[in-house]
Amino acid sequence: ADYLGLIGNLLGQGYAFVQNGSAAMGLAAVACGRIDGFCELSLKSWD
């Protein structure tokens, strides 16, 4: 329910979203400007 709430609010505010399955790759994509943000509700340090 928390994840569905997050997605609903993202869409409600006008964001586009993807879910690509790798935090490290998602963060690298933010760093090089391919996407604009990365978020997740629970991740570990190694991720």
All heavy atoms as atom14 arrays in JSON, in Angstrom:
{
  "sequence": "ADYLGLIGNLLGQGYAFVQNGSAAMGLAAVACGRIDGFCELSLKSWD",
  "atom14_mask": [
    [1, 1, 1, 1, 1, 0, 0, 0, 0, 0, 0, 0, 0, 0],
    [1, 1, 1, 1, 1, 1, 1, 1, 0, 0, 0, 0, 0, 0],
    [1, 1, 1, 1, 1, 1, 1, 1, 1, 1, 1, 1, 0, 0],
    [1, 1, 1, 1, 1, 1, 1, 1, 0, 0, 0, 0, 0, 0],
    [1, 1, 1, 1, 0, 0, 0, 0, 0, 0, 0, 0, 0, 0],
    [1, 1, 1, 1, 1, 1, 1, 1, 0, 0, 0, 0, 0, 0],
    [1, 1, 1, 1, 1, 1, 1, 1, 0, 0, 0, 0, 0, 0],
    [1, 1, 1, 1, 0, 0, 0, 0, 0, 0, 0, 0, 0, 0],
    [1, 1, 1, 1, 1, 1, 1, 1, 0, 0, 0, 0, 0, 0],
    [1, 1, 1, 1, 1, 1, 1, 1, 0, 0, 0, 0, 0, 0],
    [1, 1, 1, 1, 1, 1, 1, 1, 0, 0, 0, 0, 0, 0],
    [1, 1, 1, 1, 0, 0, 0, 0, 0, 0, 0, 0, 0, 0],
    [1, 1, 1, 1, 1, 1, 1, 1, 1, 0, 0, 0, 0, 0],
    [1, 1, 1, 1, 0, 0, 0, 0, 0, 0, 0, 0, 0, 0],
    [1, 1, 1, 1, 1, 1, 1, 1, 1, 1, 1, 1, 0, 0],
    [1, 1, 1, 1, 1, 0, 0, 0, 0, 0, 0, 0, 0, 0],
    [1, 1, 1, 1, 1, 1, 1, 1, 1, 1, 1, 0, 0, 0],
    [1, 1, 1, 1, 1, 1, 1, 0, 0, 0, 0, 0, 0, 0],
    [1, 1, 1, 1, 1, 1, 1, 1, 1, 0, 0, 0, 0, 0],
    [1, 1, 1, 1, 1, 1, 1, 1, 0, 0, 0, 0, 0, 0],
    [1, 1, 1, 1, 0, 0, 0, 0, 0, 0, 0, 0, 0, 0],
    [1, 1, 1, 1, 1, 1, 0, 0, 0, 0, 0, 0, 0, 0],
    [1, 1, 1, 1, 1, 0, 0, 0, 0, 0, 0, 0, 0, 0],
    [1, 1, 1, 1, 1, 0, 0, 0, 0, 0, 0, 0, 0, 0],
    [1, 1, 1, 1, 1, 1, 1, 1, 0, 0, 0, 0, 0, 0],
    [1, 1, 1, 1, 0, 0, 0, 0, 0, 0, 0, 0, 0, 0],
    [1, 1, 1, 1, 1, 1, 1, 1, 0, 0, 0, 0, 0, 0],
    [1, 1, 1, 1, 1, 0, 0, 0, 0, 0, 0, 0, 0, 0],
    [1, 1, 1, 1, 1, 0, 0, 0, 0, 0, 0, 0, 0, 0],
    [1, 1, 1, 1, 1, 1, 1, 0, 0, 0, 0, 0, 0, 0],
    [1, 1, 1, 1, 1, 0, 0, 0, 0, 0, 0, 0, 0, 0],
    [1, 1, 1, 1, 1, 1, 0, 0, 0, 0, 0, 0, 0, 0],
    [1, 1, 1, 1, 0, 0, 0, 0, 0, 0, 0, 0, 0, 0],
    [1, 1, 1, 1, 1, 1, 1, 1, 1, 1, 1, 0, 0, 0],
    [1, 1, 1, 1, 1, 1, 1, 1, 0, 0, 0, 0, 0, 0],
    [1, 1, 1, 1, 1, 1, 1, 1, 0, 0, 0, 0, 0, 0],
    [1, 1, 1, 1, 0, 0, 0, 0, 0, 0, 0, 0, 0, 0],
    [1, 1, 1, 1, 1, 1, 1, 1, 1, 1, 1, 0, 0, 0],
    [1, 1, 1, 1, 1, 1, 0, 0, 0, 0, 0, 0, 0, 0],
    [1, 1, 1, 1, 1, 1, 1, 1, 1, 0, 0, 0, 0, 0],
    [1, 1, 1, 1, 1, 1, 1, 1, 0, 0, 0, 0, 0, 0],
    [1, 1, 1, 1, 1, 1, 0, 0, 0, 0, 0, 0, 0, 0],
    [1, 1, 1, 1, 1, 1, 1, 1, 0, 0, 0, 0, 0, 0],
    [1, 1, 1, 1, 1, 1, 1, 1, 1, 0, 0, 0, 0, 0],
    [1, 1, 1, 1, 1, 1, 0, 0, 0, 0, 0, 0, 0, 0],
    [1, 1, 1, 1, 1, 1, 1, 1, 1, 1, 1, 1, 1, 1],
    [1, 1, 1, 1, 1, 1, 1, 1, 0, 0, 0, 0, 0, 0]
  ],
  "atom14_positions": [
    [[0.82, -1.21, 0.0], [0.0, 0.0, 0.0], [0.86, 1.26, 0.0], [0.49, 2.28, -0.62], [-0.93, -0.01, 1.21], [0.0, 0.0, 0.0], [0.0, 0.0, 0.0], [0.0, 0.0, 0.0], [0.0, 0.0, 0.0], [0.0, 0.0, 0.0], [0.0, 0.0, 0.0], [0.0, 0.0, 0.0], [0.0, 0.0, 0.0], [0.0, 0.0, 0.0]],
    [[2.0, 1.22, 0.69], [2.88, 2.38, 0.71], [3.45, 2.65, -0.68], [3.54, 3.8, -1.13], [4.03, 2.17, 1.7], [3.57, 2.18, 3.15], [2.41, 2.56, 3.4], [4.37, 1.81, 4.02], [0.0, 0.0, 0.0], [0.0, 0.0, 0.0], [0.0, 0.0, 0.0], [0.0, 0.0, 0.0], [0.0, 0.0, 0.0], [0.0, 0.0, 0.0]],
    [[3.85, 1.57, -1.36], [4.4, 1.74, -2.71], [3.33, 2.26, -3.66], [3.56, 3.16, -4.46], [4.97, 0.42, -3.22], [5.61, 0.52, -4.59], [6.81, 1.2, -4.76], [4.99, -0.03, -5.7], [7.39, 1.3, -6.01], [5.57, 0.06, -6.95], [6.77, 0.73, -7.11], [7.34, 0.84, -8.35], [0.0, 0.0, 0.0], [0.0, 0.0, 0.0]],
    [[2.13, 1.71, -3.57], [1.04, 2.18, -4.42], [0.72, 3.64, -4.13], [0.41, 4.42, -5.04], [-0.18, 1.3, -4.23], [-0.04, -0.16, -4.7], [-1.27, -0.97, -4.3], [0.17, -0.22, -6.2], [0.0, 0.0, 0.0], [0.0, 0.0, 0.0], [0.0, 0.0, 0.0], [0.0, 0.0, 0.0], [0.0, 0.0, 0.0], [0.0, 0.0, 0.0]],
    [[0.8, 4.01, -2.86], [0.6, 5.41, -2.52], [1.65, 6.32, -3.13], [1.36, 7.4, -3.64], [0.0, 0.0, 0.0], [0.0, 0.0, 0.0], [0.0, 0.0, 0.0], [0.0, 0.0, 0.0], [0.0, 0.0, 0.0], [0.0, 0.0, 0.0], [0.0, 0.0, 0.0], [0.0, 0.0, 0.0], [0.0, 0.0, 0.0], [0.0, 0.0, 0.0]],
    [[2.9, 5.87, -3.08], [3.99, 6.64, -3.68], [3.78, 6.82, -5.18], [3.89, 7.93, -5.71], [5.32, 5.96, -3.41], [6.56, 6.55, -4.08], [6.78, 7.98, -3.62], [7.79, 5.69, -3.79], [0.0, 0.0, 0.0], [0.0, 0.0, 0.0], [0.0, 0.0, 0.0], [0.0, 0.0, 0.0], [0.0, 0.0, 0.0], [0.0, 0.0, 0.0]],
    [[3.44, 5.73, -5.87], [3.24, 5.81, -7.31], [2.04, 6.71, -7.64], [2.09, 7.54, -8.56], [3.04, 4.41, -7.91], [4.3, 3.57, -7.73], [2.67, 4.49, -9.4], [5.55, 4.18, -8.3], [0.0, 0.0, 0.0], [0.0, 0.0, 0.0], [0.0, 0.0, 0.0], [0.0, 0.0, 0.0], [0.0, 0.0, 0.0], [0.0, 0.0, 0.0]],
    [[0.97, 6.56, -6.88], [-0.19, 7.41, -7.11], [0.12, 8.88, -6.94], [-0.32, 9.72, -7.74], [0.0, 0.0, 0.0], [0.0, 0.0, 0.0], [0.0, 0.0, 0.0], [0.0, 0.0, 0.0], [0.0, 0.0, 0.0], [0.0, 0.0, 0.0], [0.0, 0.0, 0.0], [0.0, 0.0, 0.0], [0.0, 0.0, 0.0], [0.0, 0.0, 0.0]],
    [[0.92, 9.21, -5.94], [1.27, 10.6, -5.72], [2.24, 11.11, -6.78], [2.16, 12.27, -7.19], [1.86, 10.77, -4.33], [0.79, 10.72, -3.25], [-0.39, 10.94, -3.51], [1.2, 10.42, -2.03], [0.0, 0.0, 0.0], [0.0, 0.0, 0.0], [0.0, 0.0, 0.0], [0.0, 0.0, 0.0], [0.0, 0.0, 0.0], [0.0, 0.0, 0.0]],
    [[3.16, 10.25, -7.22], [4.05, 10.65, -8.32], [3.23, 11.01, -9.56], [3.44, 12.07, -10.18], [5.03, 9.53, -8.65], [6.23, 9.33, -7.73], [6.94, 8.02, -8.06], [7.21, 10.49, -7.86], [0.0, 0.0, 0.0], [0.0, 0.0, 0.0], [0.0, 0.0, 0.0], [0.0, 0.0, 0.0], [0.0, 0.0, 0.0], [0.0, 0.0, 0.0]],
    [[2.32, 10.13, -9.92], [1.5, 10.39, -11.11], [0.61, 11.61, -10.91], [0.42, 12.42, -11.83], [0.66, 9.15, -11.43], [1.44, 7.91, -11.87], [0.5, 6.72, -12.02], [2.2, 8.15, -13.16], [0.0, 0.0, 0.0], [0.0, 0.0, 0.0], [0.0, 0.0, 0.0], [0.0, 0.0, 0.0], [0.0, 0.0, 0.0], [0.0, 0.0, 0.0]],
    [[0.08, 11.75, -9.7], [-0.78, 12.89, -9.43], [-0.07, 14.22, -9.54], [-0.67, 15.24, -9.89], [0.0, 0.0, 0.0], [0.0, 0.0, 0.0], [0.0, 0.0, 0.0], [0.0, 0.0, 0.0], [0.0, 0.0, 0.0], [0.0, 0.0, 0.0], [0.0, 0.0, 0.0], [0.0, 0.0, 0.0], [0.0, 0.0, 0.0], [0.0, 0.0, 0.0]],
    [[1.23, 14.23, -9.26], [2.01, 15.46, -9.36], [2.61, 15.68, -10.75], [3.27, 16.69, -10.99], [3.13, 15.46, -8.33], [2.63, 15.55, -6.9], [1.91, 16.85, -6.62], [2.45, 17.93, -6.85], [0.68, 16.76, -6.14], [0.0, 0.0, 0.0], [0.0, 0.0, 0.0], [0.0, 0.0, 0.0], [0.0, 0.0, 0.0], [0.0, 0.0, 0.0]],
    [[2.4, 14.73, -11.66], [2.85, 14.91, -13.04], [4.15, 14.25, -13.4], [4.65, 14.44, -14.52], [0.0, 0.0, 0.0], [0.0, 0.0, 0.0], [0.0, 0.0, 0.0], [0.0, 0.0, 0.0], [0.0, 0.0, 0.0], [0.0, 0.0, 0.0], [0.0, 0.0, 0.0], [0.0, 0.0, 0.0], [0.0, 0.0, 0.0], [0.0, 0.0, 0.0]],
    [[4.72, 13.45, -12.5], [5.96, 12.74, -12.82], [5.68, 11.55, -13.74], [4.61, 10.95, -13.7], [6.61, 12.19, -11.54], [7.25, 13.22, -10.65], [6.55, 13.74, -9.56], [8.54, 13.68, -10.9], [7.13, 14.68, -8.73], [9.13, 14.62, -10.07], [8.42, 15.13, -8.99], [9.01, 16.06, -8.17], [0.0, 0.0, 0.0], [0.0, 0.0, 0.0]],
    [[6.67, 11.2, -14.55], [6.72, 9.88, -15.19], [7.59, 8.99, -14.3], [8.51, 9.48, -13.63], [7.3, 9.98, -16.58], [0.0, 0.0, 0.0], [0.0, 0.0, 0.0], [0.0, 0.0, 0.0], [0.0, 0.0, 0.0], [0.0, 0.0, 0.0], [0.0, 0.0, 0.0], [0.0, 0.0, 0.0], [0.0, 0.0, 0.0], [0.0, 0.0, 0.0]],
    [[7.29, 7.68, -14.29], [8.1, 6.81, -13.45], [8.43, 5.51, -14.17], [7.73, 5.08, -15.09], [7.42, 6.53, -12.11], [6.42, 5.4, -12.14], [6.78, 4.12, -11.78], [5.11, 5.64, -12.54], [5.87, 3.08, -11.81], [4.19, 4.62, -12.57], [4.56, 3.33, -12.21], [0.0, 0.0, 0.0], [0.0, 0.0, 0.0], [0.0, 0.0, 0.0]],
    [[9.54, 4.92, -13.75], [9.96, 3.61, -14.2], [10.34, 2.8, -12.96], [10.5, 3.35, -11.87], [11.17, 3.68, -15.17], [10.79, 4.39, -16.46], [12.36, 4.38, -14.51], [0.0, 0.0, 0.0], [0.0, 0.0, 0.0], [0.0, 0.0, 0.0], [0.0, 0.0, 0.0], [0.0, 0.0, 0.0], [0.0, 0.0, 0.0], [0.0, 0.0, 0.0]],
    [[10.45, 1.49, -13.13], [10.92, 0.62, -12.05], [11.81, -0.41, -12.7], [11.35, -1.37, -13.31], [9.73, -0.03, -11.36], [10.0, -0.47, -9.9], [10.83, -1.73, -9.78], [12.06, -1.66, -9.82], [10.17, -2.86, -9.63], [0.0, 0.0, 0.0], [0.0, 0.0, 0.0], [0.0, 0.0, 0.0], [0.0, 0.0, 0.0], [0.0, 0.0, 0.0]],
    [[13.14, -0.19, -12.62], [14.08, -0.97, -13.42], [14.8, -2.08, -12.66], [15.54, -2.85, -13.25], [15.1, -0.05, -14.07], [14.5, 0.75, -15.22], [13.65, 0.25, -15.95], [14.93, 2.0, -15.37], [0.0, 0.0, 0.0], [0.0, 0.0, 0.0], [0.0, 0.0, 0.0], [0.0, 0.0, 0.0], [0.0, 0.0, 0.0], [0.0, 0.0, 0.0]],
    [[14.63, -2.15, -11.34], [15.1, -3.32, -10.62], [16.54, -3.32, -10.15], [17.04, -4.36, -9.73], [0.0, 0.0, 0.0], [0.0, 0.0, 0.0], [0.0, 0.0, 0.0], [0.0, 0.0, 0.0], [0.0, 0.0, 0.0], [0.0, 0.0, 0.0], [0.0, 0.0, 0.0], [0.0, 0.0, 0.0], [0.0, 0.0, 0.0], [0.0, 0.0, 0.0]],
    [[17.22, -2.18, -10.2], [18.58, -2.1, -9.67], [18.8, -0.7, -9.12], [18.83, 0.27, -9.87], [19.63, -2.4, -10.74], [20.94, -2.04, -10.27], [0.0, 0.0, 0.0], [0.0, 0.0, 0.0], [0.0, 0.0, 0.0], [0.0, 0.0, 0.0], [0.0, 0.0, 0.0], [0.0, 0.0, 0.0], [0.0, 0.0, 0.0], [0.0, 0.0, 0.0]],
    [[18.96, -0.6, -7.79], [19.19, 0.71, -7.18], [20.49, 1.33, -7.64], [20.57, 2.53, -7.93], [19.17, 0.57, -5.66], [0.0, 0.0, 0.0], [0.0, 0.0, 0.0], [0.0, 0.0, 0.0], [0.0, 0.0, 0.0], [0.0, 0.0, 0.0], [0.0, 0.0, 0.0], [0.0, 0.0, 0.0], [0.0, 0.0, 0.0], [0.0, 0.0, 0.0]],
    [[21.55, 0.52, -7.72], [22.85, 1.05, -8.14], [22.77, 1.63, -9.54], [23.3, 2.72, -9.82], [23.91, -0.05, -8.08], [0.0, 0.0, 0.0], [0.0, 0.0, 0.0], [0.0, 0.0, 0.0], [0.0, 0.0, 0.0], [0.0, 0.0, 0.0], [0.0, 0.0, 0.0], [0.0, 0.0, 0.0], [0.0, 0.0, 0.0], [0.0, 0.0, 0.0]],
    [[22.1, 0.92, -10.45], [21.95, 1.41, -11.81], [21.03, 2.63, -11.86], [21.26, 3.58, -12.64], [21.41, 0.3, -12.71], [22.39, -0.83, -12.93], [23.7, -0.36, -14.08], [22.8, -0.43, -15.63], [0.0, 0.0, 0.0], [0.0, 0.0, 0.0], [0.0, 0.0, 0.0], [0.0, 0.0, 0.0], [0.0, 0.0, 0.0], [0.0, 0.0, 0.0]],
    [[19.98, 2.63, -11.05], [19.1, 3.79, -11.02], [19.81, 5.04, -10.55], [19.64, 6.13, -11.11], [0.0, 0.0, 0.0], [0.0, 0.0, 0.0], [0.0, 0.0, 0.0], [0.0, 0.0, 0.0], [0.0, 0.0, 0.0], [0.0, 0.0, 0.0], [0.0, 0.0, 0.0], [0.0, 0.0, 0.0], [0.0, 0.0, 0.0], [0.0, 0.0, 0.0]],
    [[20.62, 4.9, -9.51], [21.37, 6.05, -9.01], [22.41, 6.52, -10.02], [22.62, 7.74, -10.19], [22.03, 5.69, -7.68], [21.05, 5.49, -6.52], [21.72, 4.78, -5.35], [20.44, 6.81, -6.08], [0.0, 0.0, 0.0], [0.0, 0.0, 0.0], [0.0, 0.0, 0.0], [0.0, 0.0, 0.0], [0.0, 0.0, 0.0], [0.0, 0.0, 0.0]],
    [[23.07, 5.6, -10.7], [24.01, 5.99, -11.75], [23.3, 6.74, -12.86], [23.83, 7.71, -13.43], [24.72, 4.76, -12.3], [0.0, 0.0, 0.0], [0.0, 0.0, 0.0], [0.0, 0.0, 0.0], [0.0, 0.0, 0.0], [0.0, 0.0, 0.0], [0.0, 0.0, 0.0], [0.0, 0.0, 0.0], [0.0, 0.0, 0.0], [0.0, 0.0, 0.0]],
    [[22.07, 6.32, -13.18], [21.3, 6.99, -14.23], [20.93, 8.41, -13.81], [20.91, 9.33, -14.65], [20.04, 6.19, -14.56], [0.0, 0.0, 0.0], [0.0, 0.0, 0.0], [0.0, 0.0, 0.0], [0.0, 0.0, 0.0], [0.0, 0.0, 0.0], [0.0, 0.0, 0.0], [0.0, 0.0, 0.0], [0.0, 0.0, 0.0], [0.0, 0.0, 0.0]],
    [[20.64, 8.63, -12.52], [20.4, 9.99, -12.04], [21.67, 10.82, -12.18], [21.65, 11.97, -12.65], [19.92, 9.98, -10.58], [19.82, 11.41, -10.04], [18.58, 9.28, -10.45], [0.0, 0.0, 0.0], [0.0, 0.0, 0.0], [0.0, 0.0, 0.0], [0.0, 0.0, 0.0], [0.0, 0.0, 0.0], [0.0, 0.0, 0.0], [0.0, 0.0, 0.0]],
    [[22.8, 10.24, -11.78], [24.07, 10.97, -11.78], [24.45, 11.46, -13.17], [25.04, 12.53, -13.33], [25.19, 10.12, -11.2], [0.0, 0.0, 0.0], [0.0, 0.0, 0.0], [0.0, 0.0, 0.0], [0.0, 0.0, 0.0], [0.0, 0.0, 0.0], [0.0, 0.0, 0.0], [0.0, 0.0, 0.0], [0.0, 0.0, 0.0], [0.0, 0.0, 0.0]],
    [[24.13, 10.68, -14.2], [24.53, 11.08, -15.55], [23.39, 11.72, -16.33], [23.52, 11.96, -17.53], [25.12, 9.91, -16.32], [23.97, 8.6, -16.72], [0.0, 0.0, 0.0], [0.0, 0.0, 0.0], [0.0, 0.0, 0.0], [0.0, 0.0, 0.0], [0.0, 0.0, 0.0], [0.0, 0.0, 0.0], [0.0, 0.0, 0.0], [0.0, 0.0, 0.0]],
    [[22.26, 12.01, -15.67], [21.2, 12.79, -16.29], [20.26, 12.01, -17.19], [19.45, 12.62, -17.9], [0.0, 0.0, 0.0], [0.0, 0.0, 0.0], [0.0, 0.0, 0.0], [0.0, 0.0, 0.0], [0.0, 0.0, 0.0], [0.0, 0.0, 0.0], [0.0, 0.0, 0.0], [0.0, 0.0, 0.0], [0.0, 0.0, 0.0], [0.0, 0.0, 0.0]],
    [[20.29, 10.69, -17.14], [19.36, 9.91, -17.95], [17.96, 9.92, -17.36], [16.97, 9.87, -18.09], [19.88, 8.47, -18.1], [21.17, 8.4, -18.89], [21.78, 7.01, -18.87], [23.09, 7.03, -19.53], [23.98, 6.03, -19.48], [23.66, 4.91, -18.83], [25.14, 6.14, -20.09], [0.0, 0.0, 0.0], [0.0, 0.0, 0.0], [0.0, 0.0, 0.0]],
    [[17.88, 9.93, -16.04], [16.63, 10.14, -15.34], [16.88, 11.23, -14.29], [18.02, 11.67, -14.11], [16.08, 8.85, -14.69], [17.06, 8.3, -13.64], [15.78, 7.8, -15.75], [16.54, 7.09, -12.88], [0.0, 0.0, 0.0], [0.0, 0.0, 0.0], [0.0, 0.0, 0.0], [0.0, 0.0, 0.0], [0.0, 0.0, 0.0], [0.0, 0.0, 0.0]],
    [[15.82, 11.64, -13.6], [15.93, 12.81, -12.74], [15.85, 12.51, -11.25], [16.21, 13.35, -10.44], [14.83, 13.81, -13.12], [14.87, 14.14, -14.6], [15.82, 14.82, -15.02], [13.98, 13.66, -15.34], [0.0, 0.0, 0.0], [0.0, 0.0, 0.0], [0.0, 0.0, 0.0], [0.0, 0.0, 0.0], [0.0, 0.0, 0.0], [0.0, 0.0, 0.0]],
    [[15.38, 11.32, -10.91], [15.3, 10.96, -9.51], [15.23, 9.47, -9.32], [14.84, 8.72, -10.23], [0.0, 0.0, 0.0], [0.0, 0.0, 0.0], [0.0, 0.0, 0.0], [0.0, 0.0, 0.0], [0.0, 0.0, 0.0], [0.0, 0.0, 0.0], [0.0, 0.0, 0.0], [0.0, 0.0, 0.0], [0.0, 0.0, 0.0], [0.0, 0.0, 0.0]],
    [[15.62, 9.04, -8.13], [15.48, 7.63, -7.71], [14.97, 7.62, -6.29], [15.47, 8.37, -5.43], [16.81, 6.88, -7.78], [16.7, 5.47, -7.25], [16.34, 4.44, -8.09], [16.9, 5.2, -5.9], [16.18, 3.14, -7.6], [16.76, 3.91, -5.4], [16.4, 2.88, -6.26], [0.0, 0.0, 0.0], [0.0, 0.0, 0.0], [0.0, 0.0, 0.0]],
    [[13.98, 6.76, -6.02], [13.5, 6.65, -4.65], [13.08, 5.21, -4.37], [12.66, 4.48, -5.27], [12.33, 7.59, -4.39], [10.89, 7.34, -5.46], [0.0, 0.0, 0.0], [0.0, 0.0, 0.0], [0.0, 0.0, 0.0], [0.0, 0.0, 0.0], [0.0, 0.0, 0.0], [0.0, 0.0, 0.0], [0.0, 0.0, 0.0], [0.0, 0.0, 0.0]],
    [[13.23, 4.81, -3.13], [12.75, 3.51, -2.68], [12.54, 3.58, -1.18], [13.27, 4.29, -0.47], [13.71, 2.37, -3.05], [13.11, 1.01, -2.78], [13.78, -0.12, -3.55], [14.36, 0.13, -4.61], [13.71, -1.27, -3.08], [0.0, 0.0, 0.0], [0.0, 0.0, 0.0], [0.0, 0.0, 0.0], [0.0, 0.0, 0.0], [0.0, 0.0, 0.0]],
    [[11.56, 2.87, -0.69], [11.16, 2.98, 0.71], [12.01, 2.15, 1.65], [11.99, 2.38, 2.86], [9.68, 2.61, 0.86], [8.71, 3.52, 0.1], [7.29, 3.0, 0.21], [8.8, 4.95, 0.6], [0.0, 0.0, 0.0], [0.0, 0.0, 0.0], [0.0, 0.0, 0.0], [0.0, 0.0, 0.0], [0.0, 0.0, 0.0], [0.0, 0.0, 0.0]],
    [[12.74, 1.17, 1.14], [13.61, 0.37, 2.02], [14.73, -0.25, 1.2], [14.48, -1.11, 0.36], [12.81, -0.73, 2.73], [13.65, -1.46, 3.61], [0.0, 0.0, 0.0], [0.0, 0.0, 0.0], [0.0, 0.0, 0.0], [0.0, 0.0, 0.0], [0.0, 0.0, 0.0], [0.0, 0.0, 0.0], [0.0, 0.0, 0.0], [0.0, 0.0, 0.0]],
    [[15.95, 0.19, 1.47], [17.14, -0.34, 0.8], [18.25, -0.52, 1.82], [18.3, 0.18, 2.84], [17.61, 0.58, -0.33], [16.79, 0.52, -1.62], [17.14, 1.71, -2.51], [17.04, -0.78, -2.36], [0.0, 0.0, 0.0], [0.0, 0.0, 0.0], [0.0, 0.0, 0.0], [0.0, 0.0, 0.0], [0.0, 0.0, 0.0], [0.0, 0.0, 0.0]],
    [[19.18, -1.42, 1.51], [20.33, -1.67, 2.37], [21.55, -0.89, 1.88], [21.61, -0.45, 0.72], [20.63, -3.16, 2.41], [19.49, -4.02, 2.96], [19.28, -3.79, 4.44], [18.21, -4.73, 5.03], [18.64, -6.12, 5.05], [0.0, 0.0, 0.0], [0.0, 0.0, 0.0], [0.0, 0.0, 0.0], [0.0, 0.0, 0.0], [0.0, 0.0, 0.0]],
    [[22.54, -0.79, 2.73], [23.73, 0.01, 2.43], [24.45, -0.46, 1.17], [24.93, 0.35, 0.37], [24.69, -0.01, 3.61], [25.06, -1.35, 3.95], [0.0, 0.0, 0.0], [0.0, 0.0, 0.0], [0.0, 0.0, 0.0], [0.0, 0.0, 0.0], [0.0, 0.0, 0.0], [0.0, 0.0, 0.0], [0.0, 0.0, 0.0], [0.0, 0.0, 0.0]],
    [[24.56, -1.78, 0.99], [25.29, -2.3, -0.16], [24.59, -1.97, -1.48], [25.23, -1.93, -2.52], [25.51, -3.8, -0.02], [24.31, -4.55, 0.45], [23.22, -4.92, -0.27], [24.09, -5.03, 1.79], [22.32, -5.59, 0.51], [22.82, -5.69, 1.79], [24.83, -4.99, 2.97], [22.28, -6.28, 2.92], [24.29, -5.57, 4.11], [23.03, -6.2, 4.08]],
    [[23.28, -1.71, -1.42], [22.55, -1.35, -2.63], [22.9, 0.06, -3.11], [22.83, 0.33, -4.31], [21.03, -1.38, -2.38], [20.51, -2.73, -1.97], [20.86, -3.73, -2.63], [19.74, -2.8, -0.99], [0.0, 0.0, 0.0], [0.0, 0.0, 0.0], [0.0, 0.0, 0.0], [0.0, 0.0, 0.0], [0.0, 0.0, 0.0], [0.0, 0.0, 0.0]]
  ]
}
